[in-house]
Amino acid sequence: MTDNNFDRRRNALEETFFGKRNYELLEQMRQQLSQQEQRDALSAASGVTDAAVLDHLVACSIEPATLAAIAIVPLVQVAWADGSVQKAERDAVMKAAAAAGVQTGDPSSVLLEHWLTEKPGDELFLAWQEYIGALGERMDTRARQIIRDDIVTRTRQVASAAGGFLGMQKISAPEQAVLDAIEKTFD
């Protein structure tokens, strides 16, 4: 075999080997970038900044839209607890939804506004509870606690917004029952 053929075959072997390795590294880099984009989007939607929690959410296939739904449904449920949504409750829900990443004009916002004028059926809250229960089986304790605390804090703000019955108590009994159901869902 001539040196020229030998060199050509060696170069082909090296190019094949290193080309495959470069492709694998490129795919790994793309995957890491995609995961970082997902973490950034989840952080923007939830306010969660803990990298380990965000990684866990990505691993559980939680998307920003799912996270927005997780945050919105309990807000609506507590707003309707007394049978109607007062202006202060509506404003608190919209503020909490914005903090959860729901932007005015996006489909989640339009749906939320509809739910604040027409009460959704009980099946929405039941579906939320079932999803949280299933999600809780996949999430670690820390991630679950962070999401729970965020949702409970926001729903308490909505419940407190209208001042309770005749302004005498901050949270009415029906609102407290919804808050208790939300907290129990995470147990």
N, C-alpha and C. Protein backbone atom coordinates (compact mmCIF):
# COMPACT_ATOMS: atom_id res chain seq x y z
N MET A 1 0.85 -1.16 0.00
CA MET A 1 0.00 0.00 0.00
C MET A 1 0.90 1.23 0.00
N THR A 2 0.57 2.16 -0.84
CA THR A 2 1.40 3.36 -0.93
C THR A 2 1.11 4.27 0.26
N ASP A 3 2.06 5.12 0.53
CA ASP A 3 1.90 6.08 1.63
C ASP A 3 0.70 6.99 1.39
N ASN A 4 0.45 7.31 0.11
CA ASN A 4 -0.67 8.19 -0.24
C ASN A 4 -2.01 7.52 0.10
N ASN A 5 -2.17 6.24 -0.23
CA ASN A 5 -3.39 5.52 0.10
C ASN A 5 -3.54 5.36 1.62
N PHE A 6 -2.43 5.07 2.26
CA PHE A 6 -2.45 4.92 3.71
C PHE A 6 -2.89 6.22 4.37
N ASP A 7 -2.31 7.33 3.95
CA ASP A 7 -2.66 8.63 4.51
C ASP A 7 -4.13 8.97 4.24
N ARG A 8 -4.60 8.66 3.05
CA ARG A 8 -5.99 8.94 2.68
C ARG A 8 -6.94 8.13 3.57
N ARG A 9 -6.63 6.87 3.80
CA ARG A 9 -7.48 6.03 4.64
C ARG A 9 -7.43 6.47 6.11
N ARG A 10 -6.26 6.84 6.56
CA ARG A 10 -6.13 7.34 7.94
C ARG A 10 -6.96 8.61 8.10
N ASN A 11 -6.86 9.51 7.14
CA ASN A 11 -7.64 10.75 7.20
C ASN A 11 -9.13 10.47 7.17
N ALA A 12 -9.56 9.52 6.37
CA ALA A 12 -10.98 9.15 6.30
C ALA A 12 -11.45 8.60 7.64
N LEU A 13 -10.62 7.74 8.25
CA LEU A 13 -10.95 7.18 9.56
C LEU A 13 -11.05 8.29 10.60
N GLU A 14 -10.08 9.18 10.64
CA GLU A 14 -10.10 10.27 11.60
C GLU A 14 -11.30 11.19 11.38
N GLU A 15 -11.59 11.53 10.13
CA GLU A 15 -12.72 12.40 9.83
C GLU A 15 -14.04 11.75 10.23
N THR A 16 -14.14 10.44 9.98
CA THR A 16 -15.36 9.74 10.36
C THR A 16 -15.51 9.71 11.87
N PHE A 17 -14.42 9.36 12.56
CA PHE A 17 -14.47 9.29 14.01
C PHE A 17 -14.75 10.66 14.62
N PHE A 18 -13.94 11.65 14.26
CA PHE A 18 -14.09 12.96 14.85
C PHE A 18 -15.35 13.68 14.35
N GLY A 19 -15.77 13.39 13.14
CA GLY A 19 -17.02 13.97 12.63
C GLY A 19 -18.20 13.48 13.44
N LYS A 20 -18.21 12.16 13.74
CA LYS A 20 -19.28 11.61 14.56
C LYS A 20 -19.23 12.20 15.96
N ARG A 21 -18.04 12.32 16.51
CA ARG A 21 -17.89 12.89 17.86
C ARG A 21 -18.32 14.35 17.86
N ASN A 22 -17.95 15.10 16.84
CA ASN A 22 -18.37 16.51 16.74
C ASN A 22 -19.89 16.61 16.65
N TYR A 23 -20.50 15.72 15.88
CA TYR A 23 -21.96 15.72 15.77
C TYR A 23 -22.59 15.45 17.13
N GLU A 24 -22.06 14.48 17.86
CA GLU A 24 -22.58 14.16 19.19
C GLU A 24 -22.44 15.36 20.13
N LEU A 25 -21.29 16.04 20.08
CA LEU A 25 -21.08 17.21 20.92
C LEU A 25 -22.01 18.35 20.52
N LEU A 26 -22.22 18.51 19.23
CA LEU A 26 -23.13 19.54 18.74
C LEU A 26 -24.56 19.27 19.21
N GLU A 27 -24.99 18.01 19.13
CA GLU A 27 -26.33 17.65 19.61
C GLU A 27 -26.46 17.86 21.11
N GLN A 28 -25.41 17.53 21.83
CA GLN A 28 -25.41 17.73 23.28
C GLN A 28 -25.52 19.22 23.60
N MET A 29 -24.78 20.04 22.87
CA MET A 29 -24.84 21.48 23.07
C MET A 29 -26.24 22.02 22.75
N ARG A 30 -26.85 21.53 21.67
CA ARG A 30 -28.21 21.96 21.32
C ARG A 30 -29.20 21.58 22.41
N GLN A 31 -29.06 20.37 22.93
CA GLN A 31 -29.95 19.91 23.98
C GLN A 31 -29.79 20.77 25.23
N GLN A 32 -28.55 21.08 25.59
CA GLN A 32 -28.31 21.92 26.76
C GLN A 32 -28.89 23.31 26.56
N LEU A 33 -28.74 23.85 25.35
CA LEU A 33 -29.29 25.16 25.05
C LEU A 33 -30.81 25.12 25.13
N SER A 34 -31.42 24.08 24.59
CA SER A 34 -32.87 23.94 24.65
C SER A 34 -33.33 23.85 26.09
N GLN A 35 -32.63 23.08 26.92
CA GLN A 35 -32.99 22.96 28.33
C GLN A 35 -32.85 24.30 29.03
N GLN A 36 -31.81 25.06 28.69
CA GLN A 36 -31.62 26.38 29.30
C GLN A 36 -32.76 27.31 28.89
N GLU A 37 -33.16 27.25 27.63
CA GLU A 37 -34.29 28.06 27.17
C GLU A 37 -35.57 27.67 27.91
N GLN A 38 -35.76 26.36 28.12
CA GLN A 38 -36.93 25.90 28.86
C GLN A 38 -36.88 26.38 30.31
N ARG A 39 -35.71 26.30 30.93
CA ARG A 39 -35.56 26.78 32.31
C ARG A 39 -35.86 28.28 32.38
N ASP A 40 -35.34 29.04 31.41
CA ASP A 40 -35.56 30.49 31.39
C ASP A 40 -37.05 30.81 31.24
N ALA A 41 -37.72 30.08 30.35
CA ALA A 41 -39.15 30.31 30.14
C ALA A 41 -39.96 29.94 31.37
N LEU A 42 -39.60 28.83 32.01
CA LEU A 42 -40.29 28.42 33.24
C LEU A 42 -40.04 29.43 34.36
N SER A 43 -38.83 29.93 34.45
CA SER A 43 -38.51 30.91 35.47
C SER A 43 -39.31 32.19 35.25
N ALA A 44 -39.42 32.61 33.99
CA ALA A 44 -40.21 33.81 33.68
C ALA A 44 -41.68 33.59 34.00
N ALA A 45 -42.18 32.39 33.77
CA ALA A 45 -43.60 32.10 34.00
C ALA A 45 -43.93 31.90 35.47
N SER A 46 -42.94 31.51 36.26
CA SER A 46 -43.24 31.15 37.65
C SER A 46 -42.58 32.04 38.69
N GLY A 47 -41.51 32.69 38.31
CA GLY A 47 -40.75 33.45 39.29
C GLY A 47 -39.75 32.58 40.04
N VAL A 48 -39.74 31.28 39.77
CA VAL A 48 -38.81 30.36 40.41
C VAL A 48 -37.43 30.59 39.80
N THR A 49 -36.43 30.76 40.65
CA THR A 49 -35.07 30.98 40.16
C THR A 49 -34.11 29.86 40.55
N ASP A 50 -34.54 28.96 41.38
CA ASP A 50 -33.70 27.86 41.83
C ASP A 50 -33.42 26.92 40.65
N ALA A 51 -32.15 26.80 40.26
CA ALA A 51 -31.78 26.00 39.09
C ALA A 51 -32.18 24.53 39.23
N ALA A 52 -32.03 23.97 40.41
CA ALA A 52 -32.38 22.56 40.60
C ALA A 52 -33.88 22.34 40.44
N VAL A 53 -34.67 23.26 40.95
CA VAL A 53 -36.13 23.14 40.80
C VAL A 53 -36.51 23.29 39.33
N LEU A 54 -35.91 24.26 38.65
CA LEU A 54 -36.20 24.45 37.22
C LEU A 54 -35.80 23.22 36.41
N ASP A 55 -34.66 22.64 36.71
CA ASP A 55 -34.23 21.41 36.04
C ASP A 55 -35.25 20.30 36.27
N HIS A 56 -35.75 20.23 37.48
CA HIS A 56 -36.73 19.19 37.81
C HIS A 56 -38.03 19.42 37.04
N LEU A 57 -38.45 20.66 36.92
CA LEU A 57 -39.66 20.97 36.14
C LEU A 57 -39.47 20.59 34.68
N VAL A 58 -38.30 20.88 34.13
CA VAL A 58 -38.00 20.51 32.74
C VAL A 58 -38.04 19.00 32.59
N ALA A 59 -37.45 18.29 33.54
CA ALA A 59 -37.44 16.83 33.51
C ALA A 59 -38.85 16.24 33.59
N CYS A 60 -39.76 16.96 34.25
CA CYS A 60 -41.15 16.50 34.37
C CYS A 60 -42.00 16.94 33.17
N SER A 61 -41.36 17.52 32.16
CA SER A 61 -42.03 17.99 30.94
C SER A 61 -43.06 19.08 31.22
N ILE A 62 -42.79 19.90 32.22
CA ILE A 62 -43.66 21.04 32.52
C ILE A 62 -43.27 22.17 31.56
N GLU A 63 -44.25 22.71 30.89
CA GLU A 63 -44.01 23.82 29.97
C GLU A 63 -44.59 25.09 30.58
N PRO A 64 -44.14 26.26 30.11
CA PRO A 64 -44.67 27.51 30.66
C PRO A 64 -46.20 27.60 30.61
N ALA A 65 -46.81 27.13 29.54
CA ALA A 65 -48.28 27.17 29.44
C ALA A 65 -48.92 26.30 30.52
N THR A 66 -48.32 25.14 30.79
CA THR A 66 -48.83 24.26 31.83
C THR A 66 -48.68 24.93 33.20
N LEU A 67 -47.53 25.56 33.39
CA LEU A 67 -47.28 26.24 34.66
C LEU A 67 -48.26 27.39 34.84
N ALA A 68 -48.58 28.10 33.77
CA ALA A 68 -49.57 29.18 33.86
C ALA A 68 -50.92 28.62 34.26
N ALA A 69 -51.31 27.50 33.68
CA ALA A 69 -52.60 26.88 34.04
C ALA A 69 -52.59 26.44 35.50
N ILE A 70 -51.46 25.91 35.94
CA ILE A 70 -51.34 25.49 37.33
C ILE A 70 -51.56 26.68 38.26
N ALA A 71 -51.08 27.83 37.86
CA ALA A 71 -51.21 29.03 38.69
C ALA A 71 -52.58 29.68 38.59
N ILE A 72 -53.20 29.66 37.42
CA ILE A 72 -54.45 30.40 37.18
C ILE A 72 -55.67 29.72 37.79
N VAL A 73 -55.80 28.44 37.64
CA VAL A 73 -57.02 27.74 38.06
C VAL A 73 -57.36 27.98 39.53
N PRO A 74 -56.40 27.86 40.46
CA PRO A 74 -56.77 28.11 41.86
C PRO A 74 -57.15 29.56 42.12
N LEU A 75 -56.58 30.48 41.36
CA LEU A 75 -56.93 31.90 41.52
C LEU A 75 -58.41 32.11 41.18
N VAL A 76 -58.82 31.50 40.08
CA VAL A 76 -60.22 31.62 39.64
C VAL A 76 -61.13 30.95 40.66
N GLN A 77 -60.74 29.79 41.14
CA GLN A 77 -61.57 29.05 42.10
C GLN A 77 -61.81 29.86 43.37
N VAL A 78 -60.76 30.48 43.90
CA VAL A 78 -60.93 31.25 45.14
C VAL A 78 -61.69 32.54 44.86
N ALA A 79 -61.54 33.12 43.69
CA ALA A 79 -62.27 34.35 43.36
C ALA A 79 -63.78 34.10 43.31
N TRP A 80 -64.18 32.92 42.85
CA TRP A 80 -65.60 32.58 42.74
C TRP A 80 -66.16 31.94 44.02
N ALA A 81 -65.35 31.75 45.03
CA ALA A 81 -65.76 31.01 46.23
C ALA A 81 -67.03 31.58 46.88
N ASP A 82 -67.20 32.88 46.84
CA ASP A 82 -68.38 33.52 47.46
C ASP A 82 -69.56 33.64 46.50
N GLY A 83 -69.41 33.09 45.30
CA GLY A 83 -70.52 33.11 44.35
C GLY A 83 -70.42 34.20 43.30
N SER A 84 -69.55 35.18 43.50
CA SER A 84 -69.33 36.22 42.49
C SER A 84 -67.90 36.73 42.63
N VAL A 85 -67.44 37.38 41.58
CA VAL A 85 -66.08 37.93 41.59
C VAL A 85 -66.20 39.45 41.74
N GLN A 86 -65.69 39.96 42.84
CA GLN A 86 -65.70 41.41 43.07
C GLN A 86 -64.53 42.05 42.33
N LYS A 87 -64.64 43.34 42.10
CA LYS A 87 -63.61 44.06 41.35
C LYS A 87 -62.23 43.89 42.00
N ALA A 88 -62.16 44.01 43.31
CA ALA A 88 -60.87 43.87 43.99
C ALA A 88 -60.29 42.46 43.78
N GLU A 89 -61.16 41.44 43.78
CA GLU A 89 -60.70 40.07 43.53
C GLU A 89 -60.22 39.93 42.09
N ARG A 90 -60.98 40.50 41.17
CA ARG A 90 -60.60 40.44 39.75
C ARG A 90 -59.23 41.07 39.55
N ASP A 91 -59.04 42.25 40.14
CA ASP A 91 -57.76 42.95 40.02
C ASP A 91 -56.63 42.11 40.63
N ALA A 92 -56.90 41.49 41.78
CA ALA A 92 -55.89 40.65 42.43
C ALA A 92 -55.56 39.42 41.58
N VAL A 93 -56.58 38.83 40.96
CA VAL A 93 -56.35 37.67 40.08
C VAL A 93 -55.50 38.09 38.88
N MET A 94 -55.83 39.19 38.26
CA MET A 94 -55.07 39.65 37.09
C MET A 94 -53.63 39.97 37.46
N LYS A 95 -53.44 40.58 38.63
CA LYS A 95 -52.08 40.89 39.09
C LYS A 95 -51.30 39.61 39.36
N ALA A 96 -51.93 38.66 40.03
CA ALA A 96 -51.27 37.38 40.34
C ALA A 96 -50.97 36.61 39.05
N ALA A 97 -51.89 36.64 38.10
CA ALA A 97 -51.67 35.95 36.83
C ALA A 97 -50.51 36.59 36.07
N ALA A 98 -50.43 37.91 36.09
CA ALA A 98 -49.32 38.60 35.43
C ALA A 98 -47.99 38.20 36.08
N ALA A 99 -47.99 38.09 37.39
CA ALA A 99 -46.78 37.66 38.10
C ALA A 99 -46.41 36.23 37.76
N ALA A 100 -47.41 35.43 37.35
CA ALA A 100 -47.17 34.04 36.96
C ALA A 100 -46.81 33.93 35.48
N GLY A 101 -46.68 35.06 34.80
CA GLY A 101 -46.24 35.04 33.41
C GLY A 101 -47.34 35.15 32.38
N VAL A 102 -48.58 35.37 32.80
CA VAL A 102 -49.68 35.52 31.85
C VAL A 102 -49.69 36.97 31.37
N GLN A 103 -49.55 37.14 30.07
CA GLN A 103 -49.48 38.49 29.50
C GLN A 103 -50.81 38.88 28.88
N THR A 104 -51.17 40.13 29.03
CA THR A 104 -52.41 40.65 28.47
C THR A 104 -52.46 40.35 26.97
N GLY A 105 -53.60 39.80 26.55
CA GLY A 105 -53.80 39.52 25.13
C GLY A 105 -53.43 38.11 24.71
N ASP A 106 -52.63 37.41 25.50
CA ASP A 106 -52.31 36.04 25.11
C ASP A 106 -53.50 35.13 25.42
N PRO A 107 -53.55 33.94 24.84
CA PRO A 107 -54.72 33.08 25.03
C PRO A 107 -55.06 32.79 26.49
N SER A 108 -54.06 32.65 27.33
CA SER A 108 -54.31 32.40 28.75
C SER A 108 -55.02 33.58 29.39
N SER A 109 -54.64 34.77 29.02
CA SER A 109 -55.25 35.98 29.56
C SER A 109 -56.71 36.12 29.12
N VAL A 110 -56.95 35.84 27.84
CA VAL A 110 -58.31 35.91 27.31
C VAL A 110 -59.20 34.90 28.02
N LEU A 111 -58.70 33.69 28.19
CA LEU A 111 -59.45 32.65 28.89
C LEU A 111 -59.69 33.04 30.34
N LEU A 112 -58.68 33.59 30.99
CA LEU A 112 -58.81 34.02 32.38
C LEU A 112 -59.89 35.09 32.51
N GLU A 113 -59.88 36.06 31.63
CA GLU A 113 -60.89 37.12 31.69
C GLU A 113 -62.29 36.54 31.49
N HIS A 114 -62.41 35.56 30.62
CA HIS A 114 -63.71 34.89 30.43
C HIS A 114 -64.14 34.20 31.72
N TRP A 115 -63.20 33.49 32.36
CA TRP A 115 -63.51 32.79 33.60
C TRP A 115 -63.88 33.74 34.73
N LEU A 116 -63.42 34.97 34.65
CA LEU A 116 -63.75 35.94 35.70
C LEU A 116 -65.12 36.57 35.48
N THR A 117 -65.67 36.41 34.28
CA THR A 117 -67.03 36.91 34.04
C THR A 117 -68.05 35.78 34.04
N GLU A 118 -67.63 34.60 33.63
CA GLU A 118 -68.50 33.42 33.66
C GLU A 118 -67.78 32.30 34.40
N LYS A 119 -68.41 31.89 35.49
CA LYS A 119 -67.77 30.88 36.34
C LYS A 119 -67.57 29.57 35.58
N PRO A 120 -66.35 29.06 35.61
CA PRO A 120 -66.12 27.75 34.98
C PRO A 120 -66.76 26.65 35.81
N GLY A 121 -67.00 25.51 35.19
CA GLY A 121 -67.58 24.37 35.90
C GLY A 121 -66.62 23.79 36.92
N ASP A 122 -67.17 23.04 37.85
CA ASP A 122 -66.36 22.41 38.89
C ASP A 122 -65.32 21.46 38.33
N GLU A 123 -65.55 20.95 37.12
CA GLU A 123 -64.62 20.00 36.53
C GLU A 123 -63.23 20.61 36.29
N LEU A 124 -63.17 21.94 36.13
CA LEU A 124 -61.88 22.60 35.94
C LEU A 124 -61.01 22.45 37.19
N PHE A 125 -61.58 22.76 38.33
CA PHE A 125 -60.82 22.64 39.58
C PHE A 125 -60.49 21.18 39.88
N LEU A 126 -61.42 20.29 39.59
CA LEU A 126 -61.15 18.86 39.80
C LEU A 126 -60.01 18.38 38.91
N ALA A 127 -60.00 18.82 37.66
CA ALA A 127 -58.91 18.46 36.74
C ALA A 127 -57.59 19.01 37.26
N TRP A 128 -57.62 20.24 37.78
CA TRP A 128 -56.41 20.84 38.35
C TRP A 128 -55.91 20.00 39.52
N GLN A 129 -56.83 19.62 40.42
CA GLN A 129 -56.44 18.82 41.58
C GLN A 129 -55.83 17.48 41.16
N GLU A 130 -56.44 16.84 40.17
CA GLU A 130 -55.92 15.56 39.69
C GLU A 130 -54.54 15.72 39.06
N TYR A 131 -54.37 16.81 38.30
CA TYR A 131 -53.06 17.04 37.68
C TYR A 131 -52.00 17.30 38.75
N ILE A 132 -52.32 18.13 39.73
CA ILE A 132 -51.36 18.41 40.80
C ILE A 132 -51.01 17.12 41.54
N GLY A 133 -52.01 16.27 41.79
CA GLY A 133 -51.76 14.99 42.45
C GLY A 133 -50.81 14.12 41.65
N ALA A 134 -51.05 14.03 40.35
CA ALA A 134 -50.18 13.23 39.48
C ALA A 134 -48.79 13.85 39.37
N LEU A 135 -48.75 15.15 39.28
CA LEU A 135 -47.47 15.85 39.19
C LEU A 135 -46.66 15.66 40.47
N GLY A 136 -47.36 15.68 41.60
CA GLY A 136 -46.70 15.51 42.88
C GLY A 136 -45.97 14.19 43.00
N GLU A 137 -46.46 13.18 42.30
CA GLU A 137 -45.80 11.87 42.31
C GLU A 137 -44.49 11.90 41.52
N ARG A 138 -44.36 12.85 40.60
CA ARG A 138 -43.17 12.93 39.76
C ARG A 138 -42.16 13.95 40.27
N MET A 139 -42.60 14.89 41.10
CA MET A 139 -41.74 15.98 41.54
C MET A 139 -41.07 15.67 42.86
N ASP A 140 -39.90 16.24 43.04
CA ASP A 140 -39.27 16.09 44.34
C ASP A 140 -39.93 17.04 45.34
N THR A 141 -39.70 16.80 46.59
CA THR A 141 -40.36 17.53 47.67
C THR A 141 -40.09 19.04 47.59
N ARG A 142 -38.87 19.39 47.30
CA ARG A 142 -38.49 20.81 47.27
C ARG A 142 -39.21 21.55 46.16
N ALA A 143 -39.24 21.00 44.96
CA ALA A 143 -39.91 21.65 43.83
C ALA A 143 -41.40 21.78 44.10
N ARG A 144 -41.96 20.74 44.63
CA ARG A 144 -43.39 20.74 44.96
C ARG A 144 -43.71 21.80 46.01
N GLN A 145 -42.86 21.94 47.01
CA GLN A 145 -43.06 22.92 48.06
C GLN A 145 -42.99 24.34 47.51
N ILE A 146 -42.06 24.60 46.61
CA ILE A 146 -41.92 25.94 46.03
C ILE A 146 -43.17 26.31 45.24
N ILE A 147 -43.65 25.38 44.42
CA ILE A 147 -44.85 25.64 43.63
C ILE A 147 -46.06 25.81 44.57
N ARG A 148 -46.17 24.95 45.55
CA ARG A 148 -47.27 25.03 46.53
C ARG A 148 -47.27 26.39 47.21
N ASP A 149 -46.12 26.81 47.72
CA ASP A 149 -46.03 28.08 48.44
C ASP A 149 -46.41 29.25 47.54
N ASP A 150 -45.97 29.21 46.30
CA ASP A 150 -46.29 30.28 45.36
C ASP A 150 -47.80 30.35 45.12
N ILE A 151 -48.40 29.22 44.86
CA ILE A 151 -49.85 29.18 44.58
C ILE A 151 -50.65 29.58 45.82
N VAL A 152 -50.28 29.07 46.97
CA VAL A 152 -51.01 29.40 48.20
C VAL A 152 -50.90 30.90 48.50
N THR A 153 -49.72 31.47 48.34
CA THR A 153 -49.53 32.90 48.58
C THR A 153 -50.41 33.73 47.65
N ARG A 154 -50.41 33.38 46.38
CA ARG A 154 -51.22 34.15 45.42
C ARG A 154 -52.71 33.99 45.66
N THR A 155 -53.15 32.79 45.99
CA THR A 155 -54.58 32.59 46.22
C THR A 155 -55.02 33.28 47.52
N ARG A 156 -54.16 33.33 48.52
CA ARG A 156 -54.49 34.06 49.75
C ARG A 156 -54.63 35.55 49.47
N GLN A 157 -53.79 36.07 48.59
CA GLN A 157 -53.89 37.49 48.23
C GLN A 157 -55.23 37.78 47.55
N VAL A 158 -55.68 36.87 46.70
CA VAL A 158 -56.98 37.04 46.05
C VAL A 158 -58.09 36.95 47.09
N ALA A 159 -58.01 35.97 47.98
CA ALA A 159 -59.04 35.79 49.00
C ALA A 159 -59.11 37.00 49.93
N SER A 160 -58.01 37.63 50.19
CA SER A 160 -57.97 38.79 51.09
C SER A 160 -58.37 40.08 50.40
N ALA A 161 -58.38 40.09 49.10
CA ALA A 161 -58.58 41.32 48.34
C ALA A 161 -59.91 42.01 48.59
N ALA A 162 -60.98 41.25 48.73
CA ALA A 162 -62.31 41.85 48.87
C ALA A 162 -62.69 42.13 50.31
N GLY A 163 -61.91 41.72 51.26
CA GLY A 163 -62.17 42.06 52.65
C GLY A 163 -63.16 41.18 53.36
N GLY A 164 -63.56 40.06 52.76
CA GLY A 164 -64.48 39.15 53.45
C GLY A 164 -65.88 39.70 53.54
N PHE A 165 -66.68 39.13 54.41
CA PHE A 165 -68.08 39.51 54.59
C PHE A 165 -68.17 40.89 55.25
N LEU A 166 -68.73 41.87 54.53
CA LEU A 166 -68.92 43.24 55.00
C LEU A 166 -67.64 43.86 55.55
N GLY A 167 -66.51 43.38 55.05
CA GLY A 167 -65.24 43.92 55.48
C GLY A 167 -64.86 43.53 56.90
N MET A 168 -65.63 42.63 57.53
CA MET A 168 -65.39 42.26 58.92
C MET A 168 -64.25 41.25 59.08
N GLN A 169 -64.11 40.38 58.14
CA GLN A 169 -63.03 39.41 58.23
C GLN A 169 -62.32 39.40 56.89
N LYS A 170 -61.06 39.11 56.92
CA LYS A 170 -60.28 39.17 55.68
C LYS A 170 -60.67 38.07 54.70
N ILE A 171 -60.83 36.87 55.18
CA ILE A 171 -61.11 35.74 54.30
C ILE A 171 -62.41 35.09 54.75
N SER A 172 -63.34 34.97 53.82
CA SER A 172 -64.64 34.37 54.16
C SER A 172 -64.51 32.86 54.33
N ALA A 173 -65.53 32.26 54.93
CA ALA A 173 -65.53 30.81 55.13
C ALA A 173 -65.45 30.04 53.81
N PRO A 174 -66.24 30.43 52.77
CA PRO A 174 -66.12 29.71 51.50
C PRO A 174 -64.72 29.86 50.86
N GLU A 175 -64.14 31.04 50.99
CA GLU A 175 -62.79 31.24 50.46
C GLU A 175 -61.78 30.38 51.23
N GLN A 176 -61.94 30.33 52.54
CA GLN A 176 -61.04 29.51 53.36
C GLN A 176 -61.16 28.04 53.00
N ALA A 177 -62.39 27.60 52.69
CA ALA A 177 -62.59 26.20 52.28
C ALA A 177 -61.83 25.91 50.98
N VAL A 178 -61.86 26.86 50.04
CA VAL A 178 -61.12 26.67 48.79
C VAL A 178 -59.61 26.67 49.07
N LEU A 179 -59.16 27.60 49.90
CA LEU A 179 -57.73 27.64 50.25
C LEU A 179 -57.29 26.33 50.89
N ASP A 180 -58.12 25.80 51.79
CA ASP A 180 -57.81 24.52 52.43
C ASP A 180 -57.73 23.40 51.39
N ALA A 181 -58.65 23.41 50.43
CA ALA A 181 -58.66 22.37 49.38
C ALA A 181 -57.41 22.48 48.52
N ILE A 182 -56.98 23.71 48.24
CA ILE A 182 -55.76 23.92 47.43
C ILE A 182 -54.56 23.37 48.18
N GLU A 183 -54.43 23.73 49.46
CA GLU A 183 -53.30 23.24 50.24
C GLU A 183 -53.32 21.73 50.37
N LYS A 184 -54.49 21.15 50.59
CA LYS A 184 -54.61 19.70 50.74
C LYS A 184 -54.21 18.97 49.45
N THR A 185 -54.46 19.60 48.32
CA THR A 185 -54.10 19.00 47.04
C THR A 185 -52.61 18.71 46.94
N PHE A 186 -51.82 19.54 47.60
CA PHE A 186 -50.36 19.39 47.55
C PHE A 186 -49.84 18.39 48.59
N ASP A 187 -50.68 17.94 49.51
CA ASP A 187 -50.24 17.00 50.55
C ASP A 187 -50.10 15.60 50.02
